[in-house]
Structures are given as C-alpha cells and as structure tokens.
C-alpha cells in the first residue's frame, strides 16, 4: 500500500494535470505520477522518442490476459 504526502506545485501545472486527468480517466495525483514516470523513463532512455516511452508504460498497465502474441511475417526471398 502506498502512502500519501502533500507537496506544493505550481497552480498552472495542477490545472493542466486536472484537465488531462479528466480526459485520461485518472485522478489528478495519478496524472502527475504518470507524467513523472514518463519523465523518468525518458531521461533513462534519451535515444527513444517520448511517445514510445509513454506507450511502453501504457502497455505495462494492460492485463497480460489481453496480450496478443507477435508473430512475424515470413521473409520473402
């Protein structure tokens, strides 16, 4: 179980998180945590586009039971 603490953030950032959280069906704190995770992954992998990092994190949140196995096409010679 995670614990919660209070932090001070810029009001503009809070409003942006609130707006985005509504679209993404997250709480404001979940939205800010998501942005922080994307930022950490992006900093750890500067060679990758941030959109790839975000999609990667989203894929980790999906249930494994919904995963579809990748089957490459045969090479044509």
Protein backbone atom coordinates (compact mmCIF):
# COMPACT_ATOMS: atom_id res chain seq x y z
CA UNK A 1 0.00 0.00 0.00
CA UNK A 2 1.38 3.39 -0.94
CA UNK A 3 1.35 6.28 1.45
CA UNK A 4 0.39 9.82 0.54
CA UNK A 5 2.15 13.06 1.31
CA UNK A 6 1.32 16.64 0.44
CA UNK A 7 3.51 18.66 -1.90
CA UNK A 8 3.30 22.16 -3.32
CA UNK A 9 3.12 22.50 -7.09
CA UNK A 10 2.50 25.39 -9.43
CA UNK A 11 -1.19 26.16 -9.93
CA UNK A 12 -0.79 26.04 -13.72
CA UNK A 13 0.67 22.53 -13.53
CA UNK A 14 -2.18 21.50 -11.23
CA UNK A 15 -4.79 22.83 -13.68
CA UNK A 16 -3.07 21.09 -16.61
CA UNK A 17 -3.00 17.82 -14.66
CA UNK A 18 -6.67 18.21 -13.74
CA UNK A 19 -7.63 18.80 -17.35
CA UNK A 20 -5.56 15.87 -18.64
CA UNK A 21 -6.72 13.59 -15.82
CA UNK A 22 -10.35 14.05 -16.87
CA UNK A 23 -9.50 13.00 -20.43
CA UNK A 24 -7.41 10.01 -19.31
CA UNK A 25 -9.81 8.86 -16.55
CA UNK A 26 -7.19 9.35 -13.85
CA UNK A 27 -7.14 11.27 -10.61
CA UNK A 28 -5.01 14.40 -10.52
CA UNK A 29 -2.38 12.66 -8.41
CA UNK A 30 -2.36 9.65 -10.77
CA UNK A 31 -1.85 12.01 -13.71
CA UNK A 32 1.10 13.73 -12.06
CA UNK A 33 2.57 10.34 -11.10
CA UNK A 34 2.16 9.20 -14.73
CA UNK A 35 3.95 12.30 -16.01
CA UNK A 36 6.74 11.67 -13.51
CA UNK A 37 7.07 8.04 -14.69
CA UNK A 38 7.20 9.11 -18.34
CA UNK A 39 9.84 11.70 -17.46
CA UNK A 40 11.98 9.15 -15.63
CA UNK A 41 11.78 6.66 -18.49
CA UNK A 42 12.57 9.43 -21.00
CA UNK A 43 15.62 10.53 -19.01
CA UNK A 44 16.81 6.93 -18.70
CA UNK A 45 16.34 6.34 -22.46
CA UNK A 46 17.17 9.61 -24.27
CA UNK A 47 17.60 7.77 -27.57
CA UNK A 48 13.89 6.84 -27.67
CA UNK A 49 11.01 9.19 -28.53
CA UNK A 50 8.93 10.21 -25.51
CA UNK A 51 5.80 8.89 -27.27
CA UNK A 52 7.41 5.42 -27.30
CA UNK A 53 8.14 5.70 -23.58
CA UNK A 54 4.53 6.68 -22.85
CA UNK A 55 3.13 3.81 -24.95
CA UNK A 56 5.51 1.39 -23.26
CA UNK A 57 4.25 2.44 -19.80
CA UNK A 58 0.66 2.12 -21.00
CA UNK A 59 1.33 -1.39 -22.27
CA UNK A 60 2.70 -2.41 -18.87
CA UNK A 61 -0.60 -1.35 -17.27
CA UNK A 62 -2.67 -3.59 -19.57
CA UNK A 63 -3.69 -7.02 -18.27
CA UNK A 64 -1.45 -9.81 -19.59
CA UNK A 65 -4.57 -11.81 -20.42
CA UNK A 66 -5.35 -9.26 -23.16
CA UNK A 67 -1.89 -9.50 -24.73
CA UNK A 68 -1.64 -10.69 -28.32
CA UNK A 69 1.43 -12.68 -29.32
CA UNK A 70 3.55 -11.14 -32.03
CA UNK A 71 4.04 -13.45 -35.00
CA UNK A 72 6.42 -12.04 -37.63
CA UNK A 73 5.60 -12.48 -41.28
CA UNK A 74 7.72 -14.96 -43.20
CA UNK A 75 10.57 -13.40 -45.14
CA UNK A 76 10.09 -13.48 -48.86
CA UNK A 77 13.25 -14.24 -50.78
